[in-house]
Amino acid sequence: DEETNQAVDASYLEKYADSEYSVTMSTEPVRRNTLEVVPQ
């Protein structure tokens, strides 16, 4: 689901721009470990 994953990548890069790990969190293999958190 490239549309969702690219949006999540961009959000990590924006929200955590001050951290060197923002790039890691927005690339493989971490990228494939994405979960949506849905309230019950």
PDB file of all heavy atoms in Angstrom:
ATOM      1  N   ASP A   1       0.860  -1.180   0.000  1.00  0.00           N
ATOM      2  CA  ASP A   1       0.000   0.000   0.000  1.00  0.00           C
ATOM      3  C   ASP A   1       0.899   1.234   0.000  1.00  0.00           C
ATOM      4  O   ASP A   1       1.152   1.861   1.022  1.00  0.00           O
ATOM      5  CB  ASP A   1      -0.923  -0.011   1.230  1.00  0.00           C
ATOM      6  CG  ASP A   1      -1.849   1.181   1.296  1.00  0.00           C
ATOM      7  OD1 ASP A   1      -1.694   2.147   0.516  1.00  0.00           O
ATOM      8  OD2 ASP A   1      -2.741   1.173   2.177  1.00  0.00           O
ATOM      9  N   GLU A   2       1.406   1.552  -1.183  1.00  0.00           N
ATOM     10  CA  GLU A   2       2.368   2.644  -1.323  1.00  0.00           C
ATOM     11  C   GLU A   2       1.800   3.993  -0.914  1.00  0.00           C
ATOM     12  O   GLU A   2       2.503   4.811  -0.325  1.00  0.00           O
ATOM     13  CB  GLU A   2       2.911   2.720  -2.751  1.00  0.00           C
ATOM     14  CG  GLU A   2       4.084   1.832  -2.996  1.00  0.00           C
ATOM     15  CD  GLU A   2       5.247   2.081  -2.041  1.00  0.00           C
ATOM     16  OE1 GLU A   2       5.719   3.225  -1.907  1.00  0.00           O
ATOM     17  OE2 GLU A   2       5.697   1.111  -1.413  1.00  0.00           O
ATOM     18  N   GLU A   3       0.550   4.243  -1.189  1.00  0.00           N
ATOM     19  CA  GLU A   3      -0.034   5.536  -0.841  1.00  0.00           C
ATOM     20  C   GLU A   3       0.021   5.765   0.674  1.00  0.00           C
ATOM     21  O   GLU A   3       0.488   6.807   1.140  1.00  0.00           O
ATOM     22  CB  GLU A   3      -1.474   5.622  -1.334  1.00  0.00           C
ATOM     23  CG  GLU A   3      -2.118   6.963  -1.057  1.00  0.00           C
ATOM     24  CD  GLU A   3      -3.529   7.058  -1.599  1.00  0.00           C
ATOM     25  OE1 GLU A   3      -3.935   6.246  -2.455  1.00  0.00           O
ATOM     26  OE2 GLU A   3      -4.236   7.982  -1.154  1.00  0.00           O
ATOM     27  N   THR A   4      -0.425   4.773   1.434  1.00  0.00           N
ATOM     28  CA  THR A   4      -0.401   4.901   2.891  1.00  0.00           C
ATOM     29  C   THR A   4       1.026   4.926   3.401  1.00  0.00           C
ATOM     30  O   THR A   4       1.393   5.772   4.225  1.00  0.00           O
ATOM     31  CB  THR A   4      -1.194   3.760   3.552  1.00  0.00           C
ATOM     32  OG1 THR A   4      -2.552   3.824   3.104  1.00  0.00           O
ATOM     33  CG2 THR A   4      -1.150   3.856   5.068  1.00  0.00           C
ATOM     34  N   ASN A   5       1.863   4.011   2.929  1.00  0.00           N
ATOM     35  CA  ASN A   5       3.237   3.946   3.425  1.00  0.00           C
ATOM     36  C   ASN A   5       4.034   5.207   3.108  1.00  0.00           C
ATOM     37  O   ASN A   5       4.808   5.673   3.944  1.00  0.00           O
ATOM     38  CB  ASN A   5       3.945   2.693   2.904  1.00  0.00           C
ATOM     39  CG  ASN A   5       3.582   1.479   3.731  1.00  0.00           C
ATOM     40  OD1 ASN A   5       3.804   1.443   4.931  1.00  0.00           O
ATOM     41  ND2 ASN A   5       2.999   0.481   3.088  1.00  0.00           N
ATOM     42  N   GLN A   6       3.831   5.788   1.947  1.00  0.00           N
ATOM     43  CA  GLN A   6       4.531   7.032   1.627  1.00  0.00           C
ATOM     44  C   GLN A   6       4.056   8.178   2.517  1.00  0.00           C
ATOM     45  O   GLN A   6       4.860   9.014   2.943  1.00  0.00           O
ATOM     46  CB  GLN A   6       4.345   7.380   0.154  1.00  0.00           C
ATOM     47  CG  GLN A   6       5.171   6.493  -0.747  1.00  0.00           C
ATOM     48  CD  GLN A   6       4.972   6.808  -2.226  1.00  0.00           C
ATOM     49  OE1 GLN A   6       4.280   7.747  -2.595  1.00  0.00           O
ATOM     50  NE2 GLN A   6       5.586   6.011  -3.072  1.00  0.00           N
ATOM     51  N   ALA A   7       2.770   8.206   2.836  1.00  0.00           N
ATOM     52  CA  ALA A   7       2.241   9.243   3.730  1.00  0.00           C
ATOM     53  C   ALA A   7       2.807   9.066   5.138  1.00  0.00           C
ATOM     54  O   ALA A   7       3.162  10.047   5.811  1.00  0.00           O
ATOM     55  CB  ALA A   7       0.720   9.199   3.747  1.00  0.00           C
ATOM     56  N   VAL A   8       2.911   7.813   5.599  1.00  0.00           N
ATOM     57  CA  VAL A   8       3.489   7.537   6.914  1.00  0.00           C
ATOM     58  C   VAL A   8       4.973   7.901   6.909  1.00  0.00           C
ATOM     59  O   VAL A   8       5.472   8.526   7.854  1.00  0.00           O
ATOM     60  CB  VAL A   8       3.253   6.066   7.329  1.00  0.00           C
ATOM     61  CG1 VAL A   8       4.003   5.724   8.614  1.00  0.00           C
ATOM     62  CG2 VAL A   8       1.760   5.792   7.486  1.00  0.00           C
ATOM     63  N   ASP A   9       5.697   7.547   5.844  1.00  0.00           N
ATOM     64  CA  ASP A   9       7.115   7.926   5.717  1.00  0.00           C
ATOM     65  C   ASP A   9       7.278   9.435   5.877  1.00  0.00           C
ATOM     66  O   ASP A   9       8.110   9.909   6.654  1.00  0.00           O
ATOM     67  CB  ASP A   9       7.668   7.552   4.332  1.00  0.00           C
ATOM     68  CG  ASP A   9       7.718   6.073   4.052  1.00  0.00           C
ATOM     69  OD1 ASP A   9       7.607   5.264   4.993  1.00  0.00           O
ATOM     70  OD2 ASP A   9       7.859   5.728   2.854  1.00  0.00           O
ATOM     71  N   ALA A  10       6.492  10.184   5.137  1.00  0.00           N
ATOM     72  CA  ALA A  10       6.579  11.646   5.161  1.00  0.00           C
ATOM     73  C   ALA A  10       6.282  12.187   6.558  1.00  0.00           C
ATOM     74  O   ALA A  10       6.926  13.136   7.021  1.00  0.00           O
ATOM     75  CB  ALA A  10       5.632  12.251   4.130  1.00  0.00           C
ATOM     76  N   SER A  11       5.326  11.573   7.240  1.00  0.00           N
ATOM     77  CA  SER A  11       4.970  12.028   8.577  1.00  0.00           C
ATOM     78  C   SER A  11       6.111  11.766   9.564  1.00  0.00           C
ATOM     79  O   SER A  11       6.406  12.619  10.418  1.00  0.00           O
ATOM     80  CB  SER A  11       3.672  11.364   9.027  1.00  0.00           C
ATOM     81  OG  SER A  11       3.143  12.011  10.157  1.00  0.00           O
ATOM     82  N   TYR A  12       6.766  10.618   9.468  1.00  0.00           N
ATOM     83  CA  TYR A  12       7.932  10.350  10.319  1.00  0.00           C
ATOM     84  C   TYR A  12       9.032  11.374  10.048  1.00  0.00           C
ATOM     85  O   TYR A  12       9.646  11.909  10.979  1.00  0.00           O
ATOM     86  CB  TYR A  12       8.488   8.936  10.092  1.00  0.00           C
ATOM     87  CG  TYR A  12       7.883   7.897  10.996  1.00  0.00           C
ATOM     88  CD1 TYR A  12       6.910   7.025  10.526  1.00  0.00           C
ATOM     89  CD2 TYR A  12       8.278   7.779  12.327  1.00  0.00           C
ATOM     90  CE1 TYR A  12       6.344   6.071  11.358  1.00  0.00           C
ATOM     91  CE2 TYR A  12       7.716   6.818  13.163  1.00  0.00           C
ATOM     92  CZ  TYR A  12       6.754   5.972  12.670  1.00  0.00           C
ATOM     93  OH  TYR A  12       6.193   5.025  13.500  1.00  0.00           O
ATOM     94  N   LEU A  13       9.300  11.632   8.770  1.00  0.00           N
ATOM     95  CA  LEU A  13      10.364  12.568   8.413  1.00  0.00           C
ATOM     96  C   LEU A  13      10.054  13.987   8.890  1.00  0.00           C
ATOM     97  O   LEU A  13      10.967  14.734   9.264  1.00  0.00           O
ATOM     98  CB  LEU A  13      10.600  12.543   6.903  1.00  0.00           C
ATOM     99  CG  LEU A  13      11.222  11.246   6.382  1.00  0.00           C
ATOM    100  CD1 LEU A  13      11.159  11.194   4.864  1.00  0.00           C
ATOM    101  CD2 LEU A  13      12.657  11.098   6.874  1.00  0.00           C
ATOM    102  N   GLU A  14       8.788  14.341   8.912  1.00  0.00           N
ATOM    103  CA  GLU A  14       8.410  15.677   9.366  1.00  0.00           C
ATOM    104  C   GLU A  14       8.396  15.773  10.894  1.00  0.00           C
ATOM    105  O   GLU A  14       9.018  16.656  11.483  1.00  0.00           O
ATOM    106  CB  GLU A  14       7.028  16.048   8.825  1.00  0.00           C
ATOM    107  CG  GLU A  14       6.568  17.423   9.273  1.00  0.00           C
ATOM    108  CD  GLU A  14       5.192  17.770   8.747  1.00  0.00           C
ATOM    109  OE1 GLU A  14       4.759  17.203   7.726  1.00  0.00           O
ATOM    110  OE2 GLU A  14       4.534  18.611   9.382  1.00  0.00           O
ATOM    111  N   LYS A  15       7.676  14.875  11.546  1.00  0.00           N
ATOM    112  CA  LYS A  15       7.505  14.965  12.999  1.00  0.00           C
ATOM    113  C   LYS A  15       8.827  14.774  13.743  1.00  0.00           C
ATOM    114  O   LYS A  15       9.073  15.424  14.760  1.00  0.00           O
ATOM    115  CB  LYS A  15       6.476  13.942  13.482  1.00  0.00           C
ATOM    116  CG  LYS A  15       6.172  14.054  14.976  1.00  0.00           C
ATOM    117  CD  LYS A  15       5.028  13.158  15.401  1.00  0.00           C
ATOM    118  CE  LYS A  15       4.753  13.292  16.902  1.00  0.00           C
ATOM    119  NZ  LYS A  15       3.644  12.421  17.328  1.00  0.00           N
ATOM    120  N   TYR A  16       9.677  13.911  13.239  1.00  0.00           N
ATOM    121  CA  TYR A  16      10.923  13.588  13.935  1.00  0.00           C
ATOM    122  C   TYR A  16      12.152  14.050  13.143  1.00  0.00           C
ATOM    123  O   TYR A  16      13.209  13.421  13.210  1.00  0.00           O
ATOM    124  CB  TYR A  16      10.979  12.085  14.226  1.00  0.00           C
ATOM    125  CG  TYR A  16       9.839  11.648  15.116  1.00  0.00           C
ATOM    126  CD1 TYR A  16       8.738  10.969  14.601  1.00  0.00           C
ATOM    127  CD2 TYR A  16       9.835  11.959  16.472  1.00  0.00           C
ATOM    128  CE1 TYR A  16       7.680  10.596  15.420  1.00  0.00           C
ATOM    129  CE2 TYR A  16       8.782  11.587  17.290  1.00  0.00           C
ATOM    130  CZ  TYR A  16       7.710  10.905  16.760  1.00  0.00           C
ATOM    131  OH  TYR A  16       6.654  10.538  17.567  1.00  0.00           O
ATOM    132  N   ALA A  17      12.010  15.158  12.458  1.00  0.00           N
ATOM    133  CA  ALA A  17      13.082  15.684  11.609  1.00  0.00           C
ATOM    134  C   ALA A  17      14.386  15.925  12.362  1.00  0.00           C
ATOM    135  O   ALA A  17      15.468  15.836  11.778  1.00  0.00           O
ATOM    136  CB  ALA A  17      12.632  16.976  10.929  1.00  0.00           C
ATOM    137  N   ASP A  18      14.296  16.206  13.654  1.00  0.00           N
ATOM    138  CA  ASP A  18      15.499  16.481  14.441  1.00  0.00           C
ATOM    139  C   ASP A  18      16.274  15.216  14.815  1.00  0.00           C
ATOM    140  O   ASP A  18      17.357  15.318  15.386  1.00  0.00           O
ATOM    141  CB  ASP A  18      15.132  17.235  15.729  1.00  0.00           C
ATOM    142  CG  ASP A  18      14.640  18.641  15.435  1.00  0.00           C
ATOM    143  OD1 ASP A  18      14.887  19.156  14.333  1.00  0.00           O
ATOM    144  OD2 ASP A  18      13.992  19.223  16.330  1.00  0.00           O
ATOM    145  N   SER A  19      15.725  14.053  14.507  1.00  0.00           N
ATOM    146  CA  SER A  19      16.395  12.807  14.866  1.00  0.00           C
ATOM    147  C   SER A  19      16.949  12.101  13.625  1.00  0.00           C
ATOM    148  O   SER A  19      16.265  11.998  12.608  1.00  0.00           O
ATOM    149  CB  SER A  19      15.418  11.856  15.564  1.00  0.00           C
ATOM    150  OG  SER A  19      16.042  10.594  15.747  1.00  0.00           O
ATOM    151  N   GLU A  20      18.136  11.592  13.770  1.00  0.00           N
ATOM    152  CA  GLU A  20      18.731  10.819  12.673  1.00  0.00           C
ATOM    153  C   GLU A  20      17.942   9.545  12.383  1.00  0.00           C
ATOM    154  O   GLU A  20      18.037   8.976  11.309  1.00  0.00           O
ATOM    155  CB  GLU A  20      20.180  10.466  13.003  1.00  0.00           C
ATOM    156  CG  GLU A  20      20.302   9.556  14.218  1.00  0.00           C
ATOM    157  CD  GLU A  20      21.724   9.329  14.675  1.00  0.00           C
ATOM    158  OE1 GLU A  20      22.230  10.197  15.409  1.00  0.00           O
ATOM    159  OE2 GLU A  20      22.295   8.292  14.309  1.00  0.00           O
ATOM    160  N   TYR A  21      17.139   9.090  13.348  1.00  0.00           N
ATOM    161  CA  TYR A  21      16.373   7.857  13.177  1.00  0.00           C
ATOM    162  C   TYR A  21      15.109   8.043  12.334  1.00  0.00           C
ATOM    163  O   TYR A  21      14.487   7.063  11.933  1.00  0.00           O
ATOM    164  CB  TYR A  21      16.009   7.255  14.534  1.00  0.00           C
ATOM    165  CG  TYR A  21      17.229   6.819  15.294  1.00  0.00           C
ATOM    166  CD1 TYR A  21      17.687   7.568  16.367  1.00  0.00           C
ATOM    167  CD2 TYR A  21      17.937   5.678  14.928  1.00  0.00           C
ATOM    168  CE1 TYR A  21      18.827   7.186  17.064  1.00  0.00           C
ATOM    169  CE2 TYR A  21      19.072   5.292  15.616  1.00  0.00           C
ATOM    170  CZ  TYR A  21      19.511   6.051  16.683  1.00  0.00           C
ATOM    171  OH  TYR A  21      20.632   5.669  17.366  1.00  0.00           O
ATOM    172  N   SER A  22      14.738   9.277  12.046  1.00  0.00           N
ATOM    173  CA  SER A  22      13.534   9.491  11.230  1.00  0.00           C
ATOM    174  C   SER A  22      13.688   8.859   9.854  1.00  0.00           C
ATOM    175  O   SER A  22      12.725   8.330   9.309  1.00  0.00           O
ATOM    176  CB  SER A  22      13.203  10.973  11.109  1.00  0.00           C
ATOM    177  OG  SER A  22      14.219  11.663  10.407  1.00  0.00           O
ATOM    178  N   VAL A  23      14.899   8.872   9.318  1.00  0.00           N
ATOM    179  CA  VAL A  23      15.140   8.263   8.007  1.00  0.00           C
ATOM    180  C   VAL A  23      15.004   6.748   8.111  1.00  0.00           C
ATOM    181  O   VAL A  23      14.364   6.113   7.272  1.00  0.00           O
ATOM    182  CB  VAL A  23      16.526   8.668   7.454  1.00  0.00           C
ATOM    183  CG1 VAL A  23      16.846   7.891   6.183  1.00  0.00           C
ATOM    184  CG2 VAL A  23      16.569  10.165   7.200  1.00  0.00           C
ATOM    185  N   THR A  24      15.570   6.160   9.163  1.00  0.00           N
ATOM    186  CA  THR A  24      15.462   4.715   9.372  1.00  0.00           C
ATOM    187  C   THR A  24      14.010   4.288   9.493  1.00  0.00           C
ATOM    188  O   THR A  24      13.594   3.264   8.944  1.00  0.00           O
ATOM    189  CB  THR A  24      16.232   4.292  10.642  1.00  0.00           C
ATOM    190  OG1 THR A  24      17.592   4.696  10.501  1.00  0.00           O
ATOM    191  CG2 THR A  24      16.155   2.794  10.860  1.00  0.00           C
ATOM    192  N   MET A  25      13.211   5.086  10.227  1.00  0.00           N
ATOM    193  CA  MET A  25      11.807   4.739  10.437  1.00  0.00           C
ATOM    194  C   MET A  25      10.977   4.862   9.163  1.00  0.00           C
ATOM    195  O   MET A  25       9.858   4.370   9.111  1.00  0.00           O
ATOM    196  CB  MET A  25      11.209   5.611  11.537  1.00  0.00           C
ATOM    197  CG  MET A  25      11.815   5.355  12.907  1.00  0.00           C
ATOM    198  SD  MET A  25      11.669   3.646  13.474  1.00  0.00           S
ATOM    199  CE  MET A  25       9.912   3.557  13.802  1.00  0.00           C
ATOM    200  N   SER A  26      11.525   5.506   8.148  1.00  0.00           N
ATOM    201  CA  SER A  26      10.766   5.703   6.908  1.00  0.00           C
ATOM    202  C   SER A  26      11.345   4.921   5.733  1.00  0.00           C
ATOM    203  O   SER A  26      11.056   5.217   4.580  1.00  0.00           O
ATOM    204  CB  SER A  26      10.697   7.195   6.573  1.00  0.00           C
ATOM    205  OG  SER A  26      11.992   7.734   6.426  1.00  0.00           O
ATOM    206  N   THR A  27      12.170   3.917   6.039  1.00  0.00           N
ATOM    207  CA  THR A  27      12.749   3.081   4.983  1.00  0.00           C
ATOM    208  C   THR A  27      12.641   1.607   5.374  1.00  0.00           C
ATOM    209  O   THR A  27      12.370   1.266   6.513  1.00  0.00           O
ATOM    210  CB  THR A  27      14.232   3.442   4.735  1.00  0.00           C
ATOM    211  OG1 THR A  27      14.956   3.324   5.951  1.00  0.00           O
ATOM    212  CG2 THR A  27      14.369   4.853   4.181  1.00  0.00           C
ATOM    213  N   GLU A  28      12.861   0.733   4.391  1.00  0.00           N
ATOM    214  CA  GLU A  28      12.871  -0.710   4.659  1.00  0.00           C
ATOM    215  C   GLU A  28      14.107  -1.052   5.473  1.00  0.00           C
ATOM    216  O   GLU A  28      15.130  -0.403   5.312  1.00  0.00           O
ATOM    217  CB  GLU A  28      12.865  -1.500   3.344  1.00  0.00           C
ATOM    218  CG  GLU A  28      11.586  -1.375   2.551  1.00  0.00           C
ATOM    219  CD  GLU A  28      10.361  -1.954   3.241  1.00  0.00           C
ATOM    220  OE1 GLU A  28      10.499  -2.666   4.260  1.00  0.00           O
ATOM    221  OE2 GLU A  28       9.265  -1.675   2.772  1.00  0.00           O
ATOM    222  N   PRO A  29      14.031  -2.049   6.335  1.00  0.00           N
ATOM    223  CA  PRO A  29      12.927  -2.965   6.556  1.00  0.00           C
ATOM    224  C   PRO A  29      11.883  -2.472   7.564  1.00  0.00           C
ATOM    225  O   PRO A  29      10.838  -3.102   7.720  1.00  0.00           O
ATOM    226  CB  PRO A  29      13.609  -4.224   7.080  1.00  0.00           C
ATOM    227  CG  PRO A  29      14.768  -3.702   7.866  1.00  0.00           C
ATOM    228  CD  PRO A  29      15.235  -2.468   7.106  1.00  0.00           C
ATOM    229  N   VAL A  30      12.157  -1.366   8.250  1.00  0.00           N
ATOM    230  CA  VAL A  30      11.220  -0.882   9.272  1.00  0.00           C
ATOM    231  C   VAL A  30       9.851  -0.573   8.669  1.00  0.00           C
ATOM    232  O   VAL A  30       8.806  -0.853   9.263  1.00  0.00           O
ATOM    233  CB  VAL A  30      11.788   0.365  10.001  1.00  0.00           C
ATOM    234  CG1 VAL A  30      10.785   0.917  11.006  1.00  0.00           C
ATOM    235  CG2 VAL A  30      13.103   0.015  10.686  1.00  0.00           C
ATOM    236  N   ARG A  31       9.855  -0.038   7.496  1.00  0.00           N
ATOM    237  CA  ARG A  31       8.623   0.380   6.819  1.00  0.00           C
ATOM    238  C   ARG A  31       7.569  -0.734   6.750  1.00  0.00           C
ATOM    239  O   ARG A  31       6.376  -0.483   6.833  1.00  0.00           O
ATOM    240  CB  ARG A  31       9.012   0.822   5.416  1.00  0.00           C
ATOM    241  CG  ARG A  31       7.976   1.485   4.642  1.00  0.00           C
ATOM    242  CD  ARG A  31       8.652   1.922   3.335  1.00  0.00           C
ATOM    243  NE  ARG A  31       7.892   2.961   2.731  1.00  0.00           N
ATOM    244  CZ  ARG A  31       7.245   2.811   1.589  1.00  0.00           C
ATOM    245  NH1 ARG A  31       7.294   1.663   0.932  1.00  0.00           N
ATOM    246  NH2 ARG A  31       6.571   3.814   1.087  1.00  0.00           N
ATOM    247  N   ARG A  32       8.007  -1.971   6.615  1.00  0.00           N
ATOM    248  CA  ARG A  32       7.041  -3.075   6.483  1.00  0.00           C
ATOM    249  C   ARG A  32       6.378  -3.441   7.811  1.00  0.00           C
ATOM    250  O   ARG A  32       5.492  -4.283   7.848  1.00  0.00           O
ATOM    251  CB  ARG A  32       7.705  -4.297   5.855  1.00  0.00           C
ATOM    252  CG  ARG A  32       8.648  -5.034   6.778  1.00  0.00           C
ATOM    253  CD  ARG A  32       9.364  -6.158   6.104  1.00  0.00           C
ATOM    254  NE  ARG A  32      10.256  -5.548   5.134  1.00  0.00           N
ATOM    255  CZ  ARG A  32      10.994  -6.205   4.271  1.00  0.00           C
ATOM    256  NH1 ARG A  32      10.959  -7.505   4.260  1.00  0.00           N
ATOM    257  NH2 ARG A  32      11.769  -5.571   3.430  1.00  0.00           N
ATOM    258  N   ASN A  33       6.809  -2.807   8.904  1.00  0.00           N
ATOM    259  CA  ASN A  33       6.265  -3.072  10.236  1.00  0.00           C
ATOM    260  C   ASN A  33       5.287  -1.980  10.667  1.00  0.00           C
ATOM    261  O   ASN A  33       5.290  -1.537  11.807  1.00  0.00           O
ATOM    262  CB  ASN A  33       7.399  -3.171  11.261  1.00  0.00           C
ATOM    263  CG  ASN A  33       8.427  -4.201  10.871  1.00  0.00           C
ATOM    264  OD1 ASN A  33       8.084  -5.281  10.400  1.00  0.00           O
ATOM    265  ND2 ASN A  33       9.681  -3.884  11.056  1.00  0.00           N
ATOM    266  N   THR A  34       4.465  -1.543   9.746  1.00  0.00           N
ATOM    267  CA  THR A  34       3.541  -0.433  10.004  1.00  0.00           C
ATOM    268  C   THR A  34       2.181  -0.943  10.457  1.00  0.00           C
ATOM    269  O   THR A  34       1.602  -1.832   9.848  1.00  0.00           O
ATOM    270  CB  THR A  34       3.352   0.416   8.724  1.00  0.00           C
ATOM    271  OG1 THR A  34       4.634   0.837   8.253  1.00  0.00           O
ATOM    272  CG2 THR A  34       2.473   1.630   8.989  1.00  0.00           C
ATOM    273  N   LEU A  35       1.689  -0.337  11.553  1.00  0.00           N
ATOM    274  CA  LEU A  35       0.369  -0.647  12.062  1.00  0.00           C
ATOM    275  C   LEU A  35      -0.433   0.640  12.181  1.00  0.00           C
ATOM    276  O   LEU A  35       0.084   1.655  12.637  1.00  0.00           O
ATOM    277  CB  LEU A  35       0.444  -1.279  13.456  1.00  0.00           C
ATOM    278  CG  LEU A  35       1.182  -2.600  13.602  1.00  0.00           C
ATOM    279  CD1 LEU A  35       1.238  -3.013  15.067  1.00  0.00           C
ATOM    280  CD2 LEU A  35       0.519  -3.681  12.768  1.00  0.00           C
ATOM    281  N   GLU A  36      -1.695   0.570  11.784  1.00  0.00           N
ATOM    282  CA  GLU A  36      -2.613   1.659  12.086  1.00  0.00           C
ATOM    283  C   GLU A  36      -3.183   1.381  13.472  1.00  0.00           C
ATOM    284  O   GLU A  36      -3.496   0.243  13.821  1.00  0.00           O
ATOM    285  CB  GLU A  36      -3.740   1.762  11.071  1.00  0.00           C
ATOM    286  CG  GLU A  36      -4.658   2.938  11.393  1.00  0.00           C
ATOM    287  CD  GLU A  36      -5.723   3.205  10.359  1.00  0.00           C
ATOM    288  OE1 GLU A  36      -5.765   2.496   9.324  1.00  0.00           O
ATOM    289  OE2 GLU A  36      -6.527   4.126  10.583  1.00  0.00           O
ATOM    290  N   VAL A  37      -3.285   2.429  14.270  1.00  0.00           N
ATOM    291  CA  VAL A  37      -3.845   2.326  15.622  1.00  0.00           C
ATOM    292  C   VAL A  37      -5.259   2.881  15.567  1.00  0.00           C
ATOM    293  O   VAL A  37      -5.466   4.062  15.290  1.00  0.00           O
ATOM    294  CB  VAL A  37      -2.981   3.113  16.626  1.00  0.00           C
ATOM    295  CG1 VAL A  37      -3.549   2.965  18.029  1.00  0.00           C
ATOM    296  CG2 VAL A  37      -1.530   2.651  16.574  1.00  0.00           C
ATOM    297  N   VAL A  38      -6.226   2.004  15.798  1.00  0.00           N
ATOM    298  CA  VAL A  38      -7.639   2.354  15.668  1.00  0.00           C
ATOM    299  C   VAL A  38      -8.304   2.273  17.046  1.00  0.00           C
ATOM    300  O   VAL A  38      -8.245   1.224  17.689  1.00  0.00           O
ATOM    301  CB  VAL A  38      -8.346   1.393  14.685  1.00  0.00           C
ATOM    302  CG1 VAL A  38      -9.819   1.745  14.548  1.00  0.00           C
ATOM    303  CG2 VAL A  38      -7.643   1.407  13.330  1.00  0.00           C
ATOM    304  N   PRO A  39      -8.927   3.372  17.500  1.00  0.00           N
ATOM    305  CA  PRO A  39      -9.575   3.321  18.810  1.00  0.00           C
ATOM    306  C   PRO A  39     -10.743   2.350  18.828  1.00  0.00           C
ATOM    307  O   PRO A  39     -11.450   2.199  17.826  1.00  0.00           O
ATOM    308  CB  PRO A  39     -10.045   4.760  19.031  1.00  0.00           C
ATOM    309  CG  PRO A  39     -10.180   5.334  17.673  1.00  0.00           C
ATOM    310  CD  PRO A  39      -9.147   4.643  16.811  1.00  0.00           C
ATOM    311  N   GLN A  40     -10.943   1.693  19.967  1.00  0.00           N
ATOM    312  CA  GLN A  40     -12.087   0.803  20.129  1.00  0.00           C
ATOM    313  C   GLN A  40     -13.170   1.536  20.904  1.00  0.00           C
ATOM    314  O   GLN A  40     -12.883   2.233  21.864  1.00  0.00           O
ATOM    315  CB  GLN A  40     -11.686  -0.455  20.904  1.00  0.00           C
ATOM    316  CG  GLN A  40     -10.939  -1.442  20.061  1.00  0.00           C
ATOM    317  CD  GLN A  40     -10.827  -2.764  20.762  1.00  0.00           C
ATOM    318  OE1 GLN A  40      -9.747  -3.185  21.121  1.00  0.00           O
ATOM    319  NE2 GLN A  40     -11.946  -3.423  20.954  1.00  0.00           N
TER     320      GLN A  40
END
